[in-house]
Amino acid sequence: MSARPTAPEAPTRQLAALADDTRWAILELLGSRARSASELAAELPVSRQAIAKHLAILEAAGLVDSVREGRSVRHRAIGASLSALADRLEAIGQQWESRLDRLAQRAEARAGAGGD
């Protein structure tokens, strides 16, 4: 539980952490503001203990960090990690779009050559 910068995590570990509805809901809540585990438990239909386990998984994946504020621990989403993951997914999407565009061009060229 520290505010130190984390090393980039493998996207598969991050995506695995996000592949749970409760963790996704936690991350959505933390995206708007930092919250304690108790605050999260009050907003979600799971126990504080379950929230703590989910937070540990999100933190291990580099998506959430924790900061002690007085007697409480506040958790927040790490925007840079989420942005980096989104960028990687966007790059994959663009590669697929490019491949599909080339395939469509080839199909159109063949249809045009065969139609005359």
PDB file of N, CA and C in Angstrom:
ATOM      1  N   MET A   1       0.840  -1.187   0.000  1.00  0.00           N
ATOM      2  CA  MET A   1       0.000   0.000   0.000  1.00  0.00           C
ATOM      3  C   MET A   1       0.877   1.240   0.000  1.00  0.00           C
ATOM      4  N   SER A   2       1.196   1.697  -1.192  1.00  0.00           N
ATOM      5  CA  SER A   2       2.048   2.859  -1.298  1.00  0.00           C
ATOM      6  C   SER A   2       1.649   3.675  -2.511  1.00  0.00           C
ATOM      7  N   ALA A   3       2.154   4.896  -2.554  1.00  0.00           N
ATOM      8  CA  ALA A   3       1.875   5.767  -3.682  1.00  0.00           C
ATOM      9  C   ALA A   3       3.024   5.738  -4.678  1.00  0.00           C
ATOM     10  N   ARG A   4       3.951   4.793  -4.522  1.00  0.00           N
ATOM     11  CA  ARG A   4       5.099   4.731  -5.418  1.00  0.00           C
ATOM     12  C   ARG A   4       4.656   4.310  -6.811  1.00  0.00           C
ATOM     13  N   PRO A   5       5.378   4.783  -7.833  1.00  0.00           N
ATOM     14  CA  PRO A   5       5.024   4.379  -9.185  1.00  0.00           C
ATOM     15  C   PRO A   5       5.243   2.876  -9.350  1.00  0.00           C
ATOM     16  N   THR A   6       4.408   2.242 -10.127  1.00  0.00           N
ATOM     17  CA  THR A   6       4.543   0.813 -10.343  1.00  0.00           C
ATOM     18  C   THR A   6       5.136   0.546 -11.713  1.00  0.00           C
ATOM     19  N   ALA A   7       5.790  -0.603 -11.843  1.00  0.00           N
ATOM     20  CA  ALA A   7       6.336  -1.007 -13.129  1.00  0.00           C
ATOM     21  C   ALA A   7       5.186  -1.394 -14.046  1.00  0.00           C
ATOM     22  N   PRO A   8       5.375  -1.235 -15.351  1.00  0.00           N
ATOM     23  CA  PRO A   8       4.305  -1.641 -16.267  1.00  0.00           C
ATOM     24  C   PRO A   8       3.995  -3.124 -16.091  1.00  0.00           C
ATOM     25  N   GLU A   9       2.734  -3.444 -16.042  1.00  0.00           N
ATOM     26  CA  GLU A   9       2.300  -4.815 -15.867  1.00  0.00           C
ATOM     27  C   GLU A   9       1.969  -5.430 -17.223  1.00  0.00           C
ATOM     28  N   ALA A  10       2.018  -6.744 -17.265  1.00  0.00           N
ATOM     29  CA  ALA A  10       1.634  -7.452 -18.475  1.00  0.00           C
ATOM     30  C   ALA A  10       0.154  -7.213 -18.740  1.00  0.00           C
ATOM     31  N   PRO A  11      -0.210  -6.947 -19.984  1.00  0.00           N
ATOM     32  CA  PRO A  11      -1.631  -6.692 -20.266  1.00  0.00           C
ATOM     33  C   PRO A  11      -2.511  -7.890 -19.936  1.00  0.00           C
ATOM     34  N   THR A  12      -1.986  -9.094 -20.053  1.00  0.00           N
ATOM     35  CA  THR A  12      -2.810 -10.258 -19.730  1.00  0.00           C
ATOM     36  C   THR A  12      -3.165 -10.281 -18.256  1.00  0.00           C
ATOM     37  N   ARG A  13      -2.240  -9.871 -17.415  1.00  0.00           N
ATOM     38  CA  ARG A  13      -2.529  -9.811 -15.977  1.00  0.00           C
ATOM     39  C   ARG A  13      -3.575  -8.730 -15.692  1.00  0.00           C
ATOM     40  N   GLN A  14      -3.450  -7.597 -16.366  1.00  0.00           N
ATOM     41  CA  GLN A  14      -4.415  -6.521 -16.176  1.00  0.00           C
ATOM     42  C   GLN A  14      -5.795  -6.926 -16.676  1.00  0.00           C
ATOM     43  N   LEU A  15      -5.836  -7.540 -17.844  1.00  0.00           N
ATOM     44  CA  LEU A  15      -7.124  -7.951 -18.396  1.00  0.00           C
ATOM     45  C   LEU A  15      -7.758  -9.041 -17.547  1.00  0.00           C
ATOM     46  N   ALA A  16      -6.953  -9.940 -17.008  1.00  0.00           N
ATOM     47  CA  ALA A  16      -7.489 -10.974 -16.122  1.00  0.00           C
ATOM     48  C   ALA A  16      -8.089 -10.336 -14.875  1.00  0.00           C
ATOM     49  N   ALA A  17      -7.426  -9.311 -14.361  1.00  0.00           N
ATOM     50  CA  ALA A  17      -7.954  -8.612 -13.185  1.00  0.00           C
ATOM     51  C   ALA A  17      -9.277  -7.924 -13.506  1.00  0.00           C
ATOM     52  N   LEU A  18      -9.415  -7.446 -14.717  1.00  0.00           N
ATOM     53  CA  LEU A  18     -10.636  -6.750 -15.123  1.00  0.00           C
ATOM     54  C   LEU A  18     -11.756  -7.699 -15.535  1.00  0.00           C
ATOM     55  N   ALA A  19     -11.458  -8.981 -15.658  1.00  0.00           N
ATOM     56  CA  ALA A  19     -12.438  -9.956 -16.127  1.00  0.00           C
ATOM     57  C   ALA A  19     -13.359 -10.440 -15.009  1.00  0.00           C
ATOM     58  N   ASP A  20     -13.624  -9.588 -14.071  1.00  0.00           N
ATOM     59  CA  ASP A  20     -14.519  -9.891 -12.961  1.00  0.00           C
ATOM     60  C   ASP A  20     -15.447  -8.696 -12.786  1.00  0.00           C
ATOM     61  N   ASP A  21     -16.736  -8.950 -12.745  1.00  0.00           N
ATOM     62  CA  ASP A  21     -17.711  -7.856 -12.662  1.00  0.00           C
ATOM     63  C   ASP A  21     -17.512  -6.973 -11.431  1.00  0.00           C
ATOM     64  N   THR A  22     -17.193  -7.573 -10.298  1.00  0.00           N
ATOM     65  CA  THR A  22     -17.004  -6.779  -9.078  1.00  0.00           C
ATOM     66  C   THR A  22     -15.767  -5.897  -9.199  1.00  0.00           C
ATOM     67  N   ARG A  23     -14.672  -6.461  -9.700  1.00  0.00           N
ATOM     68  CA  ARG A  23     -13.458  -5.642  -9.861  1.00  0.00           C
ATOM     69  C   ARG A  23     -13.690  -4.522 -10.865  1.00  0.00           C
ATOM     70  N   TRP A  24     -14.451  -4.812 -11.920  1.00  0.00           N
ATOM     71  CA  TRP A  24     -14.762  -3.774 -12.899  1.00  0.00           C
ATOM     72  C   TRP A  24     -15.568  -2.652 -12.233  1.00  0.00           C
ATOM     73  N   ALA A  25     -16.540  -3.027 -11.423  1.00  0.00           N
ATOM     74  CA  ALA A  25     -17.354  -2.028 -10.717  1.00  0.00           C
ATOM     75  C   ALA A  25     -16.499  -1.207  -9.753  1.00  0.00           C
ATOM     76  N   ILE A  26     -15.587  -1.873  -9.058  1.00  0.00           N
ATOM     77  CA  ILE A  26     -14.677  -1.158  -8.150  1.00  0.00           C
ATOM     78  C   ILE A  26     -13.859  -0.147  -8.937  1.00  0.00           C
ATOM     79  N   LEU A  27     -13.306  -0.569 -10.057  1.00  0.00           N
ATOM     80  CA  LEU A  27     -12.479   0.334 -10.859  1.00  0.00           C
ATOM     81  C   LEU A  27     -13.286   1.518 -11.379  1.00  0.00           C
ATOM     82  N   GLU A  28     -14.525   1.265 -11.775  1.00  0.00           N
ATOM     83  CA  GLU A  28     -15.382   2.372 -12.225  1.00  0.00           C
ATOM     84  C   GLU A  28     -15.594   3.385 -11.100  1.00  0.00           C
ATOM     85  N   LEU A  29     -15.850   2.892  -9.896  1.00  0.00           N
ATOM     86  CA  LEU A  29     -16.037   3.810  -8.766  1.00  0.00           C
ATOM     87  C   LEU A  29     -14.750   4.571  -8.445  1.00  0.00           C
ATOM     88  N   LEU A  30     -13.626   3.877  -8.505  1.00  0.00           N
ATOM     89  CA  LEU A  30     -12.354   4.541  -8.189  1.00  0.00           C
ATOM     90  C   LEU A  30     -11.937   5.511  -9.277  1.00  0.00           C
ATOM     91  N   GLY A  31     -12.504   5.372 -10.460  1.00  0.00           N
ATOM     92  CA  GLY A  31     -12.190   6.298 -11.544  1.00  0.00           C
ATOM     93  C   GLY A  31     -12.685   7.705 -11.268  1.00  0.00           C
ATOM     94  N   SER A  32     -13.747   7.821 -10.486  1.00  0.00           N
ATOM     95  CA  SER A  32     -14.288   9.151 -10.209  1.00  0.00           C
ATOM     96  C   SER A  32     -13.636   9.806  -9.000  1.00  0.00           C
ATOM     97  N   ARG A  33     -13.248   8.987  -8.001  1.00  0.00           N
ATOM     98  CA  ARG A  33     -12.546   9.539  -6.840  1.00  0.00           C
ATOM     99  C   ARG A  33     -12.000   8.402  -5.985  1.00  0.00           C
ATOM    100  N   ALA A  34     -11.007   8.716  -5.174  1.00  0.00           N
ATOM    101  CA  ALA A  34     -10.427   7.724  -4.265  1.00  0.00           C
ATOM    102  C   ALA A  34     -11.453   7.365  -3.198  1.00  0.00           C
ATOM    103  N   ARG A  35     -11.416   6.092  -2.791  1.00  0.00           N
ATOM    104  CA  ARG A  35     -12.354   5.612  -1.771  1.00  0.00           C
ATOM    105  C   ARG A  35     -11.647   4.600  -0.873  1.00  0.00           C
ATOM    106  N   SER A  36     -12.176   4.438   0.317  1.00  0.00           N
ATOM    107  CA  SER A  36     -11.697   3.393   1.216  1.00  0.00           C
ATOM    108  C   SER A  36     -12.442   2.098   0.887  1.00  0.00           C
ATOM    109  N   ALA A  37     -11.936   0.985   1.394  1.00  0.00           N
ATOM    110  CA  ALA A  37     -12.609  -0.300   1.186  1.00  0.00           C
ATOM    111  C   ALA A  37     -14.012  -0.258   1.801  1.00  0.00           C
ATOM    112  N   SER A  38     -14.159   0.395   2.933  1.00  0.00           N
ATOM    113  CA  SER A  38     -15.473   0.503   3.572  1.00  0.00           C
ATOM    114  C   SER A  38     -16.450   1.293   2.701  1.00  0.00           C
ATOM    115  N   GLU A  39     -15.976   2.376   2.109  1.00  0.00           N
ATOM    116  CA  GLU A  39     -16.829   3.163   1.215  1.00  0.00           C
ATOM    117  C   GLU A  39     -17.265   2.334   0.009  1.00  0.00           C
ATOM    118  N   LEU A  40     -16.324   1.566  -0.539  1.00  0.00           N
ATOM    119  CA  LEU A  40     -16.655   0.715  -1.679  1.00  0.00           C
ATOM    120  C   LEU A  40     -17.676  -0.349  -1.281  1.00  0.00           C
ATOM    121  N   ALA A  41     -17.489  -0.959  -0.122  1.00  0.00           N
ATOM    122  CA  ALA A  41     -18.415  -1.986   0.347  1.00  0.00           C
ATOM    123  C   ALA A  41     -19.814  -1.412   0.562  1.00  0.00           C
ATOM    124  N   ALA A  42     -19.903  -0.150   0.946  1.00  0.00           N
ATOM    125  CA  ALA A  42     -21.206   0.483   1.138  1.00  0.00           C
ATOM    126  C   ALA A  42     -21.918   0.715  -0.204  1.00  0.00           C
ATOM    127  N   GLU A  43     -21.142   0.809  -1.274  1.00  0.00           N
ATOM    128  CA  GLU A  43     -21.713   1.079  -2.592  1.00  0.00           C
ATOM    129  C   GLU A  43     -21.933  -0.174  -3.437  1.00  0.00           C
ATOM    130  N   LEU A  44     -21.355  -1.291  -3.024  1.00  0.00           N
ATOM    131  CA  LEU A  44     -21.445  -2.522  -3.803  1.00  0.00           C
ATOM    132  C   LEU A  44     -22.050  -3.639  -2.946  1.00  0.00           C
ATOM    133  N   PRO A  45     -22.650  -4.623  -3.574  1.00  0.00           N
ATOM    134  CA  PRO A  45     -23.309  -5.695  -2.817  1.00  0.00           C
ATOM    135  C   PRO A  45     -22.346  -6.816  -2.387  1.00  0.00           C
ATOM    136  N   VAL A  46     -21.175  -6.446  -1.888  1.00  0.00           N
ATOM    137  CA  VAL A  46     -20.201  -7.428  -1.401  1.00  0.00           C
ATOM    138  C   VAL A  46     -19.623  -6.935  -0.080  1.00  0.00           C
ATOM    139  N   SER A  47     -19.039  -7.841   0.673  1.00  0.00           N
ATOM    140  CA  SER A  47     -18.491  -7.485   1.982  1.00  0.00           C
ATOM    141  C   SER A  47     -17.198  -6.686   1.849  1.00  0.00           C
ATOM    142  N   ARG A  48     -16.827  -6.031   2.936  1.00  0.00           N
ATOM    143  CA  ARG A  48     -15.576  -5.287   2.968  1.00  0.00           C
ATOM    144  C   ARG A  48     -14.391  -6.225   2.754  1.00  0.00           C
ATOM    145  N   GLN A  49     -14.468  -7.439   3.303  1.00  0.00           N
ATOM    146  CA  GLN A  49     -13.396  -8.412   3.140  1.00  0.00           C
ATOM    147  C   GLN A  49     -13.238  -8.801   1.667  1.00  0.00           C
ATOM    148  N   ALA A  50     -14.360  -8.986   0.982  1.00  0.00           N
ATOM    149  CA  ALA A  50     -14.305  -9.307  -0.452  1.00  0.00           C
ATOM    150  C   ALA A  50     -13.728  -8.131  -1.234  1.00  0.00           C
ATOM    151  N   ILE A  51     -14.123  -6.919  -0.864  1.00  0.00           N
ATOM    152  CA  ILE A  51     -13.580  -5.725  -1.517  1.00  0.00           C
ATOM    153  C   ILE A  51     -12.068  -5.692  -1.360  1.00  0.00           C
ATOM    154  N   ALA A  52     -11.584  -5.978  -0.146  1.00  0.00           N
ATOM    155  CA  ALA A  52     -10.134  -5.968   0.113  1.00  0.00           C
ATOM    156  C   ALA A  52      -9.409  -6.965  -0.787  1.00  0.00           C
ATOM    157  N   LYS A  53      -9.986  -8.143  -0.987  1.00  0.00           N
ATOM    158  CA  LYS A  53      -9.364  -9.145  -1.866  1.00  0.00           C
ATOM    159  C   LYS A  53      -9.347  -8.662  -3.313  1.00  0.00           C
ATOM    160  N   HIS A  54     -10.443  -8.083  -3.757  1.00  0.00           N
ATOM    161  CA  HIS A  54     -10.501  -7.555  -5.124  1.00  0.00           C
ATOM    162  C   HIS A  54      -9.504  -6.409  -5.311  1.00  0.00           C
ATOM    163  N   LEU A  55      -9.398  -5.541  -4.323  1.00  0.00           N
ATOM    164  CA  LEU A  55      -8.436  -4.436  -4.405  1.00  0.00           C
ATOM    165  C   LEU A  55      -7.004  -4.956  -4.499  1.00  0.00           C
ATOM    166  N   ALA A  56      -6.700  -6.020  -3.764  1.00  0.00           N
ATOM    167  CA  ALA A  56      -5.354  -6.603  -3.814  1.00  0.00           C
ATOM    168  C   ALA A  56      -5.034  -7.115  -5.216  1.00  0.00           C
ATOM    169  N   ILE A  57      -6.003  -7.703  -5.872  1.00  0.00           N
ATOM    170  CA  ILE A  57      -5.800  -8.197  -7.241  1.00  0.00           C
ATOM    171  C   ILE A  57      -5.598  -7.033  -8.199  1.00  0.00           C
ATOM    172  N   LEU A  58      -6.424  -6.000  -8.070  1.00  0.00           N
ATOM    173  CA  LEU A  58      -6.279  -4.826  -8.929  1.00  0.00           C
ATOM    174  C   LEU A  58      -4.939  -4.121  -8.689  1.00  0.00           C
ATOM    175  N   GLU A  59      -4.511  -4.079  -7.447  1.00  0.00           N
ATOM    176  CA  GLU A  59      -3.229  -3.444  -7.126  1.00  0.00           C
ATOM    177  C   GLU A  59      -2.069  -4.274  -7.674  1.00  0.00           C
ATOM    178  N   ALA A  60      -2.140  -5.590  -7.548  1.00  0.00           N
ATOM    179  CA  ALA A  60      -1.088  -6.460  -8.075  1.00  0.00           C
ATOM    180  C   ALA A  60      -0.976  -6.342  -9.594  1.00  0.00           C
ATOM    181  N   ALA A  61      -2.083  -6.031 -10.253  1.00  0.00           N
ATOM    182  CA  ALA A  61      -2.085  -5.857 -11.706  1.00  0.00           C
ATOM    183  C   ALA A  61      -1.644  -4.459 -12.121  1.00  0.00           C
ATOM    184  N   GLY A  62      -1.390  -3.593 -11.146  1.00  0.00           N
ATOM    185  CA  GLY A  62      -0.924  -2.239 -11.454  1.00  0.00           C
ATOM    186  C   GLY A  62      -2.025  -1.291 -11.879  1.00  0.00           C
ATOM    187  N   LEU A  63      -3.271  -1.609 -11.553  1.00  0.00           N
ATOM    188  CA  LEU A  63      -4.394  -0.767 -11.961  1.00  0.00           C
ATOM    189  C   LEU A  63      -4.901   0.148 -10.851  1.00  0.00           C
ATOM    190  N   VAL A  64      -4.553  -0.171  -9.619  1.00  0.00           N
ATOM    191  CA  VAL A  64      -5.014   0.581  -8.455  1.00  0.00           C
ATOM    192  C   VAL A  64      -3.842   0.750  -7.510  1.00  0.00           C
ATOM    193  N   ASP A  65      -3.783   1.883  -6.832  1.00  0.00           N
ATOM    194  CA  ASP A  65      -2.816   2.014  -5.747  1.00  0.00           C
ATOM    195  C   ASP A  65      -3.524   2.507  -4.493  1.00  0.00           C
ATOM    196  N   SER A  66      -2.815   2.386  -3.392  1.00  0.00           N
ATOM    197  CA  SER A  66      -3.390   2.709  -2.093  1.00  0.00           C
ATOM    198  C   SER A  66      -2.511   3.719  -1.385  1.00  0.00           C
ATOM    199  N   VAL A  67      -3.155   4.661  -0.705  1.00  0.00           N
ATOM    200  CA  VAL A  67      -2.432   5.704   0.015  1.00  0.00           C
ATOM    201  C   VAL A  67      -3.062   5.835   1.404  1.00  0.00           C
ATOM    202  N   ARG A  68      -2.223   5.838   2.411  1.00  0.00           N
ATOM    203  CA  ARG A  68      -2.715   6.035   3.776  1.00  0.00           C
ATOM    204  C   ARG A  68      -2.975   7.525   3.974  1.00  0.00           C
ATOM    205  N   GLU A  69      -4.170   7.827   4.428  1.00  0.00           N
ATOM    206  CA  GLU A  69      -4.560   9.202   4.762  1.00  0.00           C
ATOM    207  C   GLU A  69      -5.053   9.174   6.206  1.00  0.00           C
ATOM    208  N   GLY A  70      -4.182   9.544   7.126  1.00  0.00           N
ATOM    209  CA  GLY A  70      -4.541   9.482   8.537  1.00  0.00           C
ATOM    210  C   GLY A  70      -4.729   8.041   8.955  1.00  0.00           C
ATOM    211  N   ARG A  71      -5.903   7.719   9.455  1.00  0.00           N
ATOM    212  CA  ARG A  71      -6.186   6.365   9.925  1.00  0.00           C
ATOM    213  C   ARG A  71      -6.796   5.474   8.848  1.00  0.00           C
ATOM    214  N   SER A  72      -7.109   6.034   7.700  1.00  0.00           N
ATOM    215  CA  SER A  72      -7.734   5.225   6.654  1.00  0.00           C
ATOM    216  C   SER A  72      -6.791   5.038   5.464  1.00  0.00           C
ATOM    217  N   VAL A  73      -7.119   4.058   4.661  1.00  0.00           N
ATOM    218  CA  VAL A  73      -6.385   3.787   3.425  1.00  0.00           C
ATOM    219  C   VAL A  73      -7.335   4.080   2.273  1.00  0.00           C
ATOM    220  N   ARG A  74      -6.894   4.931   1.386  1.00  0.00           N
ATOM    221  CA  ARG A  74      -7.698   5.326   0.223  1.00  0.00           C
ATOM    222  C   ARG A  74      -7.125   4.642  -1.005  1.00  0.00           C
ATOM    223  N   HIS A  75      -7.987   4.170  -1.855  1.00  0.00           N
ATOM    224  CA  HIS A  75      -7.590   3.471  -3.073  1.00  0.00           C
ATOM    225  C   HIS A  75      -8.011   4.320  -4.263  1.00  0.00           C
ATOM    226  N   ARG A  76      -7.172   4.325  -5.284  1.00  0.00           N
ATOM    227  CA  ARG A  76      -7.493   5.095  -6.491  1.00  0.00           C
ATOM    228  C   ARG A  76      -7.036   4.336  -7.717  1.00  0.00           C
ATOM    229  N   ALA A  77      -7.716   4.585  -8.824  1.00  0.00           N
ATOM    230  CA  ALA A  77      -7.323   3.989 -10.103  1.00  0.00           C
ATOM    231  C   ALA A  77      -6.066   4.683 -10.592  1.00  0.00           C
ATOM    232  N   ILE A  78      -5.196   3.936 -11.215  1.00  0.00           N
ATOM    233  CA  ILE A  78      -3.965   4.499 -11.783  1.00  0.00           C
ATOM    234  C   ILE A  78      -4.242   4.805 -13.251  1.00  0.00           C
ATOM    235  N   GLY A  79      -4.493   6.062 -13.517  1.00  0.00           N
ATOM    236  CA  GLY A  79      -4.858   6.489 -14.863  1.00  0.00           C
ATOM    237  C   GLY A  79      -3.818   6.149 -15.916  1.00  0.00           C
ATOM    238  N   ALA A  80      -2.553   6.291 -15.595  1.00  0.00           N
ATOM    239  CA  ALA A  80      -1.501   6.018 -16.577  1.00  0.00           C
ATOM    240  C   ALA A  80      -1.510   4.549 -16.994  1.00  0.00           C
ATOM    241  N   SER A  81      -1.727   3.657 -16.050  1.00  0.00           N
ATOM    242  CA  SER A  81      -1.782   2.225 -16.378  1.00  0.00           C
ATOM    243  C   SER A  81      -2.991   1.916 -17.249  1.00  0.00           C
ATOM    244  N   LEU A  82      -4.122   2.501 -16.905  1.00  0.00           N
ATOM    245  CA  LEU A  82      -5.329   2.274 -17.688  1.00  0.00           C
ATOM    246  C   LEU A  82      -5.186   2.854 -19.091  1.00  0.00           C
ATOM    247  N   SER A  83      -4.568   4.026 -19.197  1.00  0.00           N
ATOM    248  CA  SER A  83      -4.358   4.641 -20.510  1.00  0.00           C
ATOM    249  C   SER A  83      -3.402   3.809 -21.358  1.00  0.00           C
ATOM    250  N   ALA A  84      -2.350   3.289 -20.742  1.00  0.00           N
ATOM    251  CA  ALA A  84      -1.393   2.454 -21.481  1.00  0.00           C
ATOM    252  C   ALA A  84      -2.068   1.182 -21.992  1.00  0.00           C
ATOM    253  N   LEU A  85      -2.908   0.575 -21.158  1.00  0.00           N
ATOM    254  CA  LEU A  85      -3.631  -0.615 -21.587  1.00  0.00           C
ATOM    255  C   LEU A  85      -4.590  -0.271 -22.725  1.00  0.00           C
ATOM    256  N   ALA A  86      -5.295   0.828 -22.593  1.00  0.00           N
ATOM    257  CA  ALA A  86      -6.220   1.263 -23.651  1.00  0.00           C
ATOM    258  C   ALA A  86      -5.469   1.528 -24.951  1.00  0.00           C
ATOM    259  N   ASP A  87      -4.286   2.131 -24.864  1.00  0.00           N
ATOM    260  CA  ASP A  87      -3.480   2.399 -26.060  1.00  0.00           C
ATOM    261  C   ASP A  87      -3.075   1.105 -26.761  1.00  0.00           C
ATOM    262  N   ARG A  88      -2.700   0.099 -25.966  1.00  0.00           N
ATOM    263  CA  ARG A  88      -2.312  -1.191 -26.556  1.00  0.00           C
ATOM    264  C   ARG A  88      -3.496  -1.843 -27.259  1.00  0.00           C
ATOM    265  N   LEU A  89      -4.665  -1.776 -26.633  1.00  0.00           N
ATOM    266  CA  LEU A  89      -5.860  -2.341 -27.252  1.00  0.00           C
ATOM    267  C   LEU A  89      -6.247  -1.574 -28.512  1.00  0.00           C
ATOM    268  N   GLU A  90      -6.106  -0.266 -28.469  1.00  0.00           N
ATOM    269  CA  GLU A  90      -6.407   0.568 -29.637  1.00  0.00           C
ATOM    270  C   GLU A  90      -5.480   0.227 -30.800  1.00  0.00           C
ATOM    271  N   ALA A  91      -4.208   0.005 -30.511  1.00  0.00           N
ATOM    272  CA  ALA A  91      -3.246  -0.354 -31.559  1.00  0.00           C
ATOM    273  C   ALA A  91      -3.638  -1.678 -32.214  1.00  0.00           C
ATOM    274  N   ILE A  92      -4.069  -2.637 -31.414  1.00  0.00           N
ATOM    275  CA  ILE A  92      -4.506  -3.922 -31.966  1.00  0.00           C
ATOM    276  C   ILE A  92      -5.744  -3.714 -32.842  1.00  0.00           C
ATOM    277  N   GLY A  93      -6.670  -2.906 -32.366  1.00  0.00           N
ATOM    278  CA  GLY A  93      -7.869  -2.611 -33.146  1.00  0.00           C
ATOM    279  C   GLY A  93      -7.542  -1.950 -34.472  1.00  0.00           C
ATOM    280  N   GLN A  94      -6.593  -1.017 -34.465  1.00  0.00           N
ATOM    281  CA  GLN A  94      -6.203  -0.349 -35.698  1.00  0.00           C
ATOM    282  C   GLN A  94      -5.539  -1.309 -36.674  1.00  0.00           C
ATOM    283  N   GLN A  95      -4.731  -2.241 -36.156  1.00  0.00           N
ATOM    284  CA  GLN A  95      -4.106  -3.241 -37.021  1.00  0.00           C
ATOM    285  C   GLN A  95      -5.167  -4.097 -37.705  1.00  0.00           C
ATOM    286  N   TRP A  96      -6.178  -4.509 -36.941  1.00  0.00           N
ATOM    287  CA  TRP A  96      -7.251  -5.313 -37.530  1.00  0.00           C
ATOM    288  C   TRP A  96      -8.042  -4.518 -38.556  1.00  0.00           C
ATOM    289  N   GLU A  97      -8.318  -3.264 -38.265  1.00  0.00           N
ATOM    290  CA  GLU A  97      -9.041  -2.425 -39.227  1.00  0.00           C
ATOM    291  C   GLU A  97      -8.251  -2.305 -40.524  1.00  0.00           C
ATOM    292  N   SER A  98      -6.947  -2.134 -40.408  1.00  0.00           N
ATOM    293  CA  SER A  98      -6.096  -2.029 -41.583  1.00  0.00           C
ATOM    294  C   SER A  98      -6.135  -3.326 -42.398  1.00  0.00           C
ATOM    295  N   ARG A  99      -6.071  -4.456 -41.711  1.00  0.00           N
ATOM    296  CA  ARG A  99      -6.141  -5.746 -42.406  1.00  0.00           C
ATOM    297  C   ARG A  99      -7.481  -5.916 -43.113  1.00  0.00           C
ATOM    298  N   LEU A 100      -8.551  -5.559 -42.448  1.00  0.00           N
ATOM    299  CA  LEU A 100      -9.876  -5.679 -43.050  1.00  0.00           C
ATOM    300  C   LEU A 100     -10.021  -4.757 -44.259  1.00  0.00           C
ATOM    301  N   ASP A 101      -9.457  -3.546 -44.171  1.00  0.00           N
ATOM    302  CA  ASP A 101      -9.504  -2.617 -45.300  1.00  0.00           C
ATOM    303  C   ASP A 101      -8.765  -3.197 -46.513  1.00  0.00           C
ATOM    304  N   ARG A 102      -7.577  -3.781 -46.268  1.00  0.00           N
ATOM    305  CA  ARG A 102      -6.810  -4.379 -47.372  1.00  0.00           C
ATOM    306  C   ARG A 102      -7.572  -5.554 -47.982  1.00  0.00           C
ATOM    307  N   LEU A 103      -8.195  -6.367 -47.143  1.00  0.00           N
ATOM    308  CA  LEU A 103      -8.978  -7.493 -47.633  1.00  0.00           C
ATOM    309  C   LEU A 103     -10.154  -7.010 -48.474  1.00  0.00           C
ATOM    310  N   ALA A 104     -10.835  -5.970 -48.023  1.00  0.00           N
ATOM    311  CA  ALA A 104     -11.958  -5.413 -48.777  1.00  0.00           C
ATOM    312  C   ALA A 104     -11.488  -4.865 -50.120  1.00  0.00           C
ATOM    313  N   GLN A 105     -10.338  -4.200 -50.142  1.00  0.00           N
ATOM    314  CA  GLN A 105      -9.796  -3.665 -51.401  1.00  0.00           C
ATOM    315  C   GLN A 105      -9.479  -4.790 -52.385  1.00  0.00           C
ATOM    316  N   ARG A 106      -8.890  -5.881 -51.867  1.00  0.00           N
ATOM    317  CA  ARG A 106      -8.579  -7.022 -52.737  1.00  0.00           C
ATOM    318  C   ARG A 106      -9.855  -7.647 -53.284  1.00  0.00           C
ATOM    319  N   ALA A 107     -10.859  -7.777 -52.436  1.00  0.00           N
ATOM    320  CA  ALA A 107     -12.125  -8.367 -52.870  1.00  0.00           C
ATOM    321  C   ALA A 107     -12.780  -7.493 -53.942  1.00  0.00           C
ATOM    322  N   GLU A 108     -12.730  -6.183 -53.744  1.00  0.00           N
ATOM    323  CA  GLU A 108     -13.314  -5.264 -54.731  1.00  0.00           C
ATOM    324  C   GLU A 108     -12.549  -5.308 -56.030  1.00  0.00           C
ATOM    325  N   ALA A 109     -11.225  -5.415 -55.959  1.00  0.00           N
ATOM    326  CA  ALA A 109     -10.397  -5.479 -57.165  1.00  0.00           C
ATOM    327  C   ALA A 109     -10.704  -6.749 -57.940  1.00  0.00           C
ATOM    328  N   ARG A 110     -10.858  -7.864 -57.239  1.00  0.00           N
ATOM    329  CA  ARG A 110     -11.178  -9.125 -57.905  1.00  0.00           C
ATOM    330  C   ARG A 110     -12.570  -9.084 -58.504  1.00  0.00           C
ATOM    331  N   ALA A 111     -13.510  -8.506 -57.782  1.00  0.00           N
ATOM    332  CA  ALA A 111     -14.884  -8.410 -58.298  1.00  0.00           C
ATOM    333  C   ALA A 111     -14.920  -7.517 -59.542  1.00  0.00           C
ATOM    334  N   GLY A 112     -14.153  -6.440 -59.531  1.00  0.00           N
ATOM    335  CA  GLY A 112     -14.100  -5.528 -60.681  1.00  0.00           C
ATOM    336  C   GLY A 112     -13.425  -6.164 -61.878  1.00  0.00           C
ATOM    337  N   ALA A 113     -12.387  -6.956 -61.657  1.00  0.00           N
ATOM    338  CA  ALA A 113     -11.663  -7.605 -62.739  1.00  0.00           C
ATOM    339  C   ALA A 113     -12.476  -8.743 -63.344  1.00  0.00           C
ATOM    340  N   GLY A 114     -13.254  -9.410 -62.537  1.00  0.00           N
ATOM    341  CA  GLY A 114     -14.042 -10.540 -63.024  1.00  0.00           C
ATOM    342  C   GLY A 114     -15.368 -10.123 -63.626  1.00  0.00           C
ATOM    343  N   GLY A 115     -15.818  -8.920 -63.352  1.00  0.00           N
ATOM    344  CA  GLY A 115     -17.130  -8.471 -63.802  1.00  0.00           C
ATOM    345  C   GLY A 115     -17.125  -7.900 -65.200  1.00  0.00           C
ATOM    346  N   ASP A 116     -15.978  -7.685 -65.804  1.00  0.00           N
ATOM    347  CA  ASP A 116     -15.924  -7.086 -67.156  1.00  0.00           C
ATOM    348  C   ASP A 116     -15.961  -8.124 -68.235  1.00  0.00           C
TER     349      ASP A 116
END
